[in-house]
């Protein structure tokens, strides 16, 4: 892979942001945000492939954050982290936030790395489908144009 995967990690605890960046900064292009608001600013300025967010944050939960950005930023694959065995949060996350994967905190480096790899595969498939659909739309428009030309002559 020529370009590093870009990951946005959102957590209200600075030490979690620092340790995530320390562990993954060599392998991935890491952006960190201490709040949902800060994360949105990053999303507006950077091409992000994967969003990893903590569930328990003061202003908005991870699920609320992911749900709030779904319309404007539908492409990044989402991973939810939580330190609590909160099944309602997980169900909410899957139903509302379109979560790809759920992990408990403290995260295990190997497990999280595997989740990132799988998430990026899904991201690439999604982008390939998007490109194919846009090519198909263009081909259909060109065919319709040619057909109209033929009918008019």
N, C-alpha and C. Protein backbone atom coordinates (compact mmCIF):
# COMPACT_ATOMS: atom_id res chain seq x y z
N UNK A 1 0.86 -1.18 0.00
CA UNK A 1 0.00 0.00 0.00
C UNK A 1 0.90 1.24 0.00
N UNK A 2 0.67 2.10 -0.95
CA UNK A 2 1.55 3.26 -1.11
C UNK A 2 1.25 4.37 -0.10
N UNK A 3 0.00 4.58 0.18
CA UNK A 3 -0.36 5.67 1.08
C UNK A 3 -0.82 5.10 2.42
N UNK A 4 -0.43 5.77 3.51
CA UNK A 4 -0.84 5.31 4.83
C UNK A 4 -2.34 5.50 5.04
N UNK A 5 -2.93 4.60 5.79
CA UNK A 5 -4.34 4.71 6.18
C UNK A 5 -4.45 5.90 7.12
N UNK A 6 -5.45 6.75 6.91
CA UNK A 6 -5.68 7.91 7.79
C UNK A 6 -6.76 7.57 8.80
N UNK A 7 -6.38 7.69 10.07
CA UNK A 7 -7.29 7.35 11.17
C UNK A 7 -7.52 8.57 12.04
N UNK A 8 -8.78 8.79 12.37
CA UNK A 8 -9.15 9.83 13.34
C UNK A 8 -9.56 9.12 14.62
N UNK A 9 -8.83 9.40 15.72
CA UNK A 9 -9.13 8.80 17.02
C UNK A 9 -9.71 9.88 17.93
N UNK A 10 -10.92 9.64 18.42
CA UNK A 10 -11.62 10.62 19.25
C UNK A 10 -11.80 10.06 20.66
N UNK A 11 -11.29 10.79 21.65
CA UNK A 11 -11.39 10.35 23.04
C UNK A 11 -11.23 11.59 23.92
N UNK A 12 -12.00 11.67 25.00
CA UNK A 12 -11.91 12.84 25.88
C UNK A 12 -10.76 12.75 26.88
N UNK A 13 -10.03 11.63 26.87
CA UNK A 13 -8.89 11.48 27.78
C UNK A 13 -7.58 11.62 27.01
N UNK A 14 -6.85 12.69 27.32
CA UNK A 14 -5.61 13.00 26.60
C UNK A 14 -4.62 11.84 26.62
N UNK A 15 -4.49 11.14 27.75
CA UNK A 15 -3.52 10.03 27.82
C UNK A 15 -3.87 8.91 26.83
N UNK A 16 -5.17 8.69 26.56
CA UNK A 16 -5.56 7.68 25.57
C UNK A 16 -5.17 8.13 24.16
N UNK A 17 -5.35 9.43 23.88
CA UNK A 17 -4.96 9.96 22.57
C UNK A 17 -3.45 9.82 22.36
N UNK A 18 -2.70 10.17 23.39
CA UNK A 18 -1.23 10.11 23.32
C UNK A 18 -0.76 8.67 23.14
N UNK A 19 -1.32 7.73 23.90
CA UNK A 19 -0.86 6.34 23.78
C UNK A 19 -1.28 5.73 22.44
N UNK A 20 -2.47 6.07 21.93
CA UNK A 20 -2.89 5.57 20.62
C UNK A 20 -1.92 6.05 19.54
N UNK A 21 -1.60 7.34 19.59
CA UNK A 21 -0.69 7.92 18.60
C UNK A 21 0.70 7.29 18.72
N UNK A 22 1.17 7.08 19.93
CA UNK A 22 2.49 6.49 20.15
C UNK A 22 2.56 5.07 19.56
N UNK A 23 1.51 4.31 19.72
CA UNK A 23 1.49 2.93 19.24
C UNK A 23 1.37 2.84 17.72
N UNK A 24 0.52 3.69 17.12
CA UNK A 24 0.18 3.50 15.71
C UNK A 24 0.74 4.54 14.74
N UNK A 25 1.45 5.56 15.21
CA UNK A 25 1.86 6.67 14.34
C UNK A 25 2.81 6.26 13.22
N UNK A 26 3.61 5.22 13.42
CA UNK A 26 4.55 4.80 12.37
C UNK A 26 3.80 4.08 11.25
N UNK A 27 2.84 3.25 11.61
CA UNK A 27 2.12 2.44 10.62
C UNK A 27 1.01 3.23 9.92
N UNK A 28 0.36 4.15 10.64
CA UNK A 28 -0.80 4.86 10.10
C UNK A 28 -0.62 6.37 10.20
N UNK A 29 -1.42 7.10 9.45
CA UNK A 29 -1.47 8.55 9.51
C UNK A 29 -2.54 8.89 10.57
N UNK A 30 -2.12 9.33 11.74
CA UNK A 30 -3.02 9.49 12.89
C UNK A 30 -3.41 10.95 13.12
N UNK A 31 -4.72 11.16 13.30
CA UNK A 31 -5.25 12.45 13.73
C UNK A 31 -6.00 12.17 15.03
N UNK A 32 -5.85 13.07 16.02
CA UNK A 32 -6.56 12.85 17.28
C UNK A 32 -7.41 14.07 17.61
N UNK A 33 -8.52 13.80 18.30
CA UNK A 33 -9.42 14.88 18.72
C UNK A 33 -9.92 14.55 20.12
N UNK A 34 -9.98 15.59 20.96
CA UNK A 34 -10.40 15.40 22.35
C UNK A 34 -11.91 15.57 22.52
N UNK A 35 -12.61 15.92 21.43
CA UNK A 35 -14.07 16.07 21.48
C UNK A 35 -14.66 15.86 20.09
N UNK A 36 -15.97 15.65 20.05
CA UNK A 36 -16.67 15.52 18.78
C UNK A 36 -16.52 16.77 17.92
N UNK A 37 -16.58 17.94 18.56
CA UNK A 37 -16.46 19.21 17.83
C UNK A 37 -15.09 19.32 17.15
N UNK A 38 -14.05 18.96 17.88
CA UNK A 38 -12.70 19.00 17.33
C UNK A 38 -12.55 17.99 16.19
N UNK A 39 -13.19 16.84 16.36
CA UNK A 39 -13.14 15.79 15.33
C UNK A 39 -13.79 16.26 14.03
N UNK A 40 -14.89 16.99 14.14
CA UNK A 40 -15.60 17.49 12.95
C UNK A 40 -14.71 18.46 12.18
N UNK A 41 -13.96 19.31 12.90
CA UNK A 41 -13.03 20.24 12.24
C UNK A 41 -11.99 19.46 11.43
N UNK A 42 -11.48 18.38 11.99
CA UNK A 42 -10.49 17.56 11.30
C UNK A 42 -11.12 16.91 10.06
N UNK A 43 -12.33 16.37 10.22
CA UNK A 43 -13.02 15.72 9.10
C UNK A 43 -13.24 16.68 7.93
N UNK A 44 -13.47 17.95 8.25
CA UNK A 44 -13.70 18.95 7.19
C UNK A 44 -12.43 19.28 6.42
N UNK A 45 -11.27 19.03 7.04
CA UNK A 45 -10.00 19.41 6.42
C UNK A 45 -9.10 18.26 5.97
N UNK A 46 -9.40 17.06 6.40
CA UNK A 46 -8.54 15.92 6.09
C UNK A 46 -9.35 14.77 5.51
N UNK A 47 -8.71 13.98 4.66
CA UNK A 47 -9.33 12.77 4.11
C UNK A 47 -9.12 11.66 5.14
N UNK A 48 -10.19 11.24 5.80
CA UNK A 48 -10.10 10.23 6.85
C UNK A 48 -10.73 8.92 6.35
N UNK A 49 -10.02 7.81 6.56
CA UNK A 49 -10.52 6.50 6.14
C UNK A 49 -11.28 5.79 7.26
N UNK A 50 -10.77 5.92 8.49
CA UNK A 50 -11.34 5.20 9.63
C UNK A 50 -11.48 6.15 10.81
N UNK A 51 -12.63 6.08 11.48
CA UNK A 51 -12.86 6.86 12.70
C UNK A 51 -12.97 5.87 13.85
N UNK A 52 -12.16 6.09 14.88
CA UNK A 52 -12.24 5.28 16.10
C UNK A 52 -12.64 6.25 17.20
N UNK A 53 -13.72 5.94 17.91
CA UNK A 53 -14.16 6.86 18.95
C UNK A 53 -14.52 6.13 20.24
N UNK A 54 -14.24 6.81 21.33
CA UNK A 54 -14.64 6.32 22.64
C UNK A 54 -16.14 6.56 22.78
N UNK A 55 -16.84 5.68 23.49
CA UNK A 55 -18.28 5.85 23.70
C UNK A 55 -18.57 6.90 24.77
N UNK A 56 -17.85 6.82 25.90
CA UNK A 56 -18.16 7.70 27.05
C UNK A 56 -17.36 8.99 26.98
N UNK A 57 -18.02 10.05 26.50
CA UNK A 57 -17.39 11.38 26.46
C UNK A 57 -18.40 12.38 27.02
N UNK A 58 -17.93 13.49 27.61
CA UNK A 58 -18.85 14.40 28.31
C UNK A 58 -19.90 15.13 27.46
N UNK A 59 -19.51 15.78 26.35
CA UNK A 59 -20.50 16.55 25.58
C UNK A 59 -21.44 15.66 24.77
N UNK A 60 -20.88 14.68 24.10
CA UNK A 60 -21.69 13.75 23.33
C UNK A 60 -21.03 12.38 23.36
N UNK A 61 -21.85 11.33 23.35
CA UNK A 61 -21.28 9.97 23.36
C UNK A 61 -20.67 9.68 21.98
N UNK A 62 -19.91 8.62 21.91
CA UNK A 62 -19.33 8.21 20.64
C UNK A 62 -20.41 7.93 19.60
N UNK A 63 -21.48 7.26 20.03
CA UNK A 63 -22.60 6.95 19.12
C UNK A 63 -23.25 8.24 18.62
N UNK A 64 -23.50 9.18 19.52
CA UNK A 64 -24.10 10.47 19.12
C UNK A 64 -23.19 11.20 18.13
N UNK A 65 -21.89 11.17 18.39
CA UNK A 65 -20.94 11.80 17.48
C UNK A 65 -21.01 11.15 16.10
N UNK A 66 -20.93 9.82 16.06
CA UNK A 66 -20.95 9.11 14.77
C UNK A 66 -22.26 9.33 14.02
N UNK A 67 -23.35 9.35 14.77
CA UNK A 67 -24.66 9.59 14.17
C UNK A 67 -24.74 11.01 13.58
N UNK A 68 -24.15 11.97 14.28
CA UNK A 68 -24.22 13.37 13.85
C UNK A 68 -23.42 13.66 12.58
N UNK A 69 -22.42 12.84 12.28
CA UNK A 69 -21.58 13.09 11.10
C UNK A 69 -21.93 12.20 9.92
N UNK A 70 -22.87 11.29 10.11
CA UNK A 70 -23.19 10.29 9.08
C UNK A 70 -23.56 10.90 7.74
N UNK A 71 -24.40 11.94 7.73
CA UNK A 71 -24.82 12.54 6.46
C UNK A 71 -23.69 13.26 5.75
N UNK A 72 -22.91 14.04 6.52
CA UNK A 72 -21.85 14.83 5.90
C UNK A 72 -20.59 14.01 5.58
N UNK A 73 -20.32 13.00 6.38
CA UNK A 73 -19.12 12.17 6.19
C UNK A 73 -19.50 10.68 6.22
N UNK A 74 -20.16 10.20 5.16
CA UNK A 74 -20.65 8.81 5.18
C UNK A 74 -19.57 7.76 4.90
N UNK A 75 -18.44 8.16 4.33
CA UNK A 75 -17.46 7.18 3.86
C UNK A 75 -16.55 6.54 4.92
N UNK A 76 -16.04 7.29 5.90
CA UNK A 76 -15.12 6.63 6.84
C UNK A 76 -15.78 5.46 7.56
N UNK A 77 -15.01 4.42 7.77
CA UNK A 77 -15.49 3.24 8.50
C UNK A 77 -15.35 3.55 9.99
N UNK A 78 -16.34 3.12 10.77
CA UNK A 78 -16.42 3.51 12.18
C UNK A 78 -16.15 2.34 13.14
N UNK A 79 -15.32 2.63 14.15
CA UNK A 79 -15.02 1.65 15.20
C UNK A 79 -15.32 2.33 16.54
N UNK A 80 -16.07 1.65 17.39
CA UNK A 80 -16.45 2.19 18.70
C UNK A 80 -15.67 1.50 19.81
N UNK A 81 -15.13 2.28 20.74
CA UNK A 81 -14.44 1.75 21.92
C UNK A 81 -15.23 2.15 23.16
N UNK A 82 -15.36 1.23 24.09
CA UNK A 82 -15.96 1.62 25.35
C UNK A 82 -15.38 0.79 26.48
N UNK A 83 -15.25 1.42 27.63
CA UNK A 83 -14.72 0.74 28.81
C UNK A 83 -15.80 0.03 29.59
N UNK A 84 -17.03 0.15 29.14
CA UNK A 84 -18.15 -0.43 29.87
C UNK A 84 -18.81 -1.50 29.02
N UNK A 85 -19.27 -2.55 29.69
CA UNK A 85 -20.00 -3.59 28.97
C UNK A 85 -21.45 -3.12 28.82
N UNK A 86 -21.62 -2.06 28.08
CA UNK A 86 -22.93 -1.42 27.91
C UNK A 86 -23.56 -1.89 26.61
N UNK A 87 -24.35 -2.95 26.69
CA UNK A 87 -24.94 -3.54 25.49
C UNK A 87 -25.86 -2.57 24.76
N UNK A 88 -26.57 -1.71 25.49
CA UNK A 88 -27.44 -0.74 24.83
C UNK A 88 -26.63 0.22 23.95
N UNK A 89 -25.48 0.62 24.43
CA UNK A 89 -24.61 1.51 23.64
C UNK A 89 -24.15 0.79 22.38
N UNK A 90 -23.83 -0.48 22.51
CA UNK A 90 -23.37 -1.25 21.36
C UNK A 90 -24.49 -1.41 20.34
N UNK A 91 -25.68 -1.75 20.81
CA UNK A 91 -26.83 -1.91 19.91
C UNK A 91 -27.14 -0.58 19.23
N UNK A 92 -27.15 0.50 20.01
CA UNK A 92 -27.35 1.85 19.47
C UNK A 92 -26.31 2.16 18.40
N UNK A 93 -25.07 1.82 18.73
CA UNK A 93 -23.96 2.11 17.82
C UNK A 93 -24.15 1.41 16.49
N UNK A 94 -24.54 0.18 16.56
CA UNK A 94 -24.71 -0.60 15.33
C UNK A 94 -25.92 -0.09 14.55
N UNK A 95 -27.00 0.19 15.25
CA UNK A 95 -28.23 0.62 14.57
C UNK A 95 -28.18 2.06 14.07
N UNK A 96 -27.67 2.98 14.89
CA UNK A 96 -27.72 4.41 14.55
C UNK A 96 -26.44 4.94 13.94
N UNK A 97 -25.32 4.50 14.44
CA UNK A 97 -24.05 5.08 14.02
C UNK A 97 -23.38 4.36 12.87
N UNK A 98 -24.00 3.28 12.41
CA UNK A 98 -23.42 2.47 11.33
C UNK A 98 -21.99 2.05 11.68
N UNK A 99 -21.87 1.42 12.84
CA UNK A 99 -20.57 0.99 13.35
C UNK A 99 -20.12 -0.28 12.64
N UNK A 100 -18.86 -0.31 12.24
CA UNK A 100 -18.29 -1.50 11.61
C UNK A 100 -17.83 -2.50 12.67
N UNK A 101 -17.23 -1.99 13.75
CA UNK A 101 -16.65 -2.88 14.75
C UNK A 101 -16.74 -2.25 16.14
N UNK A 102 -16.80 -3.09 17.15
CA UNK A 102 -16.90 -2.65 18.54
C UNK A 102 -15.80 -3.33 19.34
N UNK A 103 -15.05 -2.56 20.11
CA UNK A 103 -13.99 -3.11 20.97
C UNK A 103 -14.11 -2.53 22.37
N UNK A 104 -13.68 -3.31 23.35
CA UNK A 104 -13.71 -2.80 24.72
C UNK A 104 -12.38 -2.14 25.05
N UNK A 105 -12.45 -1.20 26.01
CA UNK A 105 -11.24 -0.54 26.52
C UNK A 105 -10.87 -1.22 27.83
N UNK A 106 -9.62 -1.29 28.18
CA UNK A 106 -8.49 -0.82 27.38
C UNK A 106 -8.31 -1.71 26.15
N UNK A 107 -8.01 -1.08 25.01
CA UNK A 107 -7.89 -1.85 23.78
C UNK A 107 -6.59 -2.64 23.75
N UNK A 108 -6.66 -3.74 23.01
CA UNK A 108 -5.51 -4.61 22.80
C UNK A 108 -4.92 -4.20 21.44
N UNK A 109 -3.63 -3.91 21.43
CA UNK A 109 -2.97 -3.38 20.22
C UNK A 109 -3.18 -4.28 19.00
N UNK A 110 -2.97 -5.57 19.18
CA UNK A 110 -3.09 -6.52 18.06
C UNK A 110 -4.54 -6.60 17.55
N UNK A 111 -5.48 -6.67 18.48
CA UNK A 111 -6.90 -6.76 18.12
C UNK A 111 -7.35 -5.48 17.40
N UNK A 112 -6.93 -4.34 17.90
CA UNK A 112 -7.30 -3.06 17.28
C UNK A 112 -6.65 -2.94 15.90
N UNK A 113 -5.41 -3.36 15.78
CA UNK A 113 -4.72 -3.32 14.49
C UNK A 113 -5.44 -4.20 13.47
N UNK A 114 -5.88 -5.38 13.88
CA UNK A 114 -6.62 -6.27 12.97
C UNK A 114 -7.95 -5.64 12.56
N UNK A 115 -8.62 -4.99 13.51
CA UNK A 115 -9.89 -4.32 13.21
C UNK A 115 -9.67 -3.18 12.21
N UNK A 116 -8.56 -2.44 12.36
CA UNK A 116 -8.23 -1.35 11.44
C UNK A 116 -7.99 -1.91 10.04
N UNK A 117 -7.24 -3.01 9.95
CA UNK A 117 -6.96 -3.63 8.66
C UNK A 117 -8.25 -4.06 7.97
N UNK A 118 -9.14 -4.72 8.71
CA UNK A 118 -10.43 -5.17 8.13
C UNK A 118 -11.28 -3.97 7.74
N UNK A 119 -11.28 -2.95 8.59
CA UNK A 119 -12.07 -1.74 8.31
C UNK A 119 -11.59 -1.07 7.03
N UNK A 120 -10.27 -1.04 6.83
CA UNK A 120 -9.74 -0.39 5.63
C UNK A 120 -10.10 -1.19 4.37
N UNK A 121 -10.14 -2.52 4.49
CA UNK A 121 -10.57 -3.35 3.35
C UNK A 121 -12.00 -2.99 2.96
N UNK A 122 -12.85 -2.82 3.96
CA UNK A 122 -14.25 -2.44 3.70
C UNK A 122 -14.31 -1.04 3.09
N UNK A 123 -13.49 -0.13 3.61
CA UNK A 123 -13.43 1.23 3.08
C UNK A 123 -13.06 1.20 1.59
N UNK A 124 -12.03 0.41 1.26
CA UNK A 124 -11.59 0.33 -0.14
C UNK A 124 -12.69 -0.24 -1.04
N UNK A 125 -13.39 -1.26 -0.55
CA UNK A 125 -14.50 -1.83 -1.33
C UNK A 125 -15.59 -0.78 -1.56
N UNK A 126 -15.88 -0.03 -0.52
CA UNK A 126 -16.89 1.03 -0.60
C UNK A 126 -16.50 2.08 -1.65
N UNK A 127 -15.22 2.47 -1.65
CA UNK A 127 -14.73 3.47 -2.60
C UNK A 127 -14.74 2.91 -4.03
N UNK A 128 -14.39 1.63 -4.18
CA UNK A 128 -14.42 0.99 -5.50
C UNK A 128 -15.85 0.96 -6.05
N UNK A 129 -16.80 0.60 -5.18
CA UNK A 129 -18.22 0.58 -5.59
C UNK A 129 -18.69 1.97 -6.00
N UNK A 130 -18.30 2.96 -5.23
CA UNK A 130 -18.67 4.34 -5.53
C UNK A 130 -18.14 4.75 -6.91
N UNK A 131 -16.88 4.40 -7.16
CA UNK A 131 -16.27 4.74 -8.45
C UNK A 131 -16.97 4.00 -9.60
N UNK A 132 -17.27 2.72 -9.39
CA UNK A 132 -17.96 1.94 -10.43
C UNK A 132 -19.34 2.53 -10.70
N UNK A 133 -20.06 2.90 -9.64
CA UNK A 133 -21.39 3.48 -9.81
C UNK A 133 -21.33 4.79 -10.58
N UNK A 134 -20.32 5.60 -10.29
CA UNK A 134 -20.23 6.88 -11.00
C UNK A 134 -19.86 6.65 -12.47
N UNK A 135 -19.02 5.65 -12.76
CA UNK A 135 -18.70 5.31 -14.16
C UNK A 135 -19.94 4.79 -14.88
N UNK A 136 -20.71 3.99 -14.18
CA UNK A 136 -21.94 3.43 -14.75
C UNK A 136 -22.94 4.54 -15.05
N UNK A 137 -23.07 5.48 -14.15
CA UNK A 137 -23.97 6.62 -14.35
C UNK A 137 -23.54 7.42 -15.56
N UNK A 138 -22.25 7.67 -15.69
CA UNK A 138 -21.72 8.42 -16.83
C UNK A 138 -22.00 7.67 -18.13
N UNK A 139 -21.75 6.36 -18.15
CA UNK A 139 -22.02 5.54 -19.34
C UNK A 139 -23.49 5.60 -19.73
N UNK A 140 -24.37 5.51 -18.74
CA UNK A 140 -25.80 5.57 -19.00
C UNK A 140 -26.20 6.92 -19.59
N UNK A 141 -25.63 7.99 -19.05
CA UNK A 141 -25.92 9.34 -19.57
C UNK A 141 -25.44 9.46 -21.02
N UNK A 142 -24.27 8.91 -21.31
CA UNK A 142 -23.73 8.97 -22.67
C UNK A 142 -24.61 8.16 -23.63
N UNK A 143 -25.06 7.00 -23.18
CA UNK A 143 -25.93 6.16 -24.01
C UNK A 143 -27.26 6.86 -24.29
N UNK A 144 -27.83 7.46 -23.25
CA UNK A 144 -29.09 8.19 -23.42
C UNK A 144 -28.92 9.34 -24.41
N UNK A 145 -27.80 10.04 -24.33
CA UNK A 145 -27.51 11.15 -25.25
C UNK A 145 -27.44 10.63 -26.69
N UNK A 146 -26.69 9.53 -26.88
CA UNK A 146 -26.54 8.96 -28.22
C UNK A 146 -27.89 8.49 -28.76
N UNK A 147 -28.69 7.88 -27.91
CA UNK A 147 -30.01 7.42 -28.31
C UNK A 147 -30.89 8.58 -28.73
N UNK A 148 -30.86 9.68 -27.95
CA UNK A 148 -31.64 10.88 -28.30
C UNK A 148 -31.17 11.45 -29.64
N UNK A 149 -29.87 11.48 -29.85
CA UNK A 149 -29.31 11.98 -31.11
C UNK A 149 -29.82 11.15 -32.29
N UNK A 150 -29.81 9.83 -32.08
CA UNK A 150 -30.24 8.90 -33.13
C UNK A 150 -31.72 9.07 -33.43
N UNK A 151 -32.52 9.27 -32.37
CA UNK A 151 -33.97 9.45 -32.55
C UNK A 151 -34.30 10.75 -33.24
N UNK A 152 -33.47 11.76 -33.03
CA UNK A 152 -33.71 13.08 -33.62
C UNK A 152 -33.31 13.13 -35.08
N UNK A 153 -32.38 12.27 -35.49
CA UNK A 153 -31.91 12.35 -36.88
C UNK A 153 -32.75 11.53 -37.84
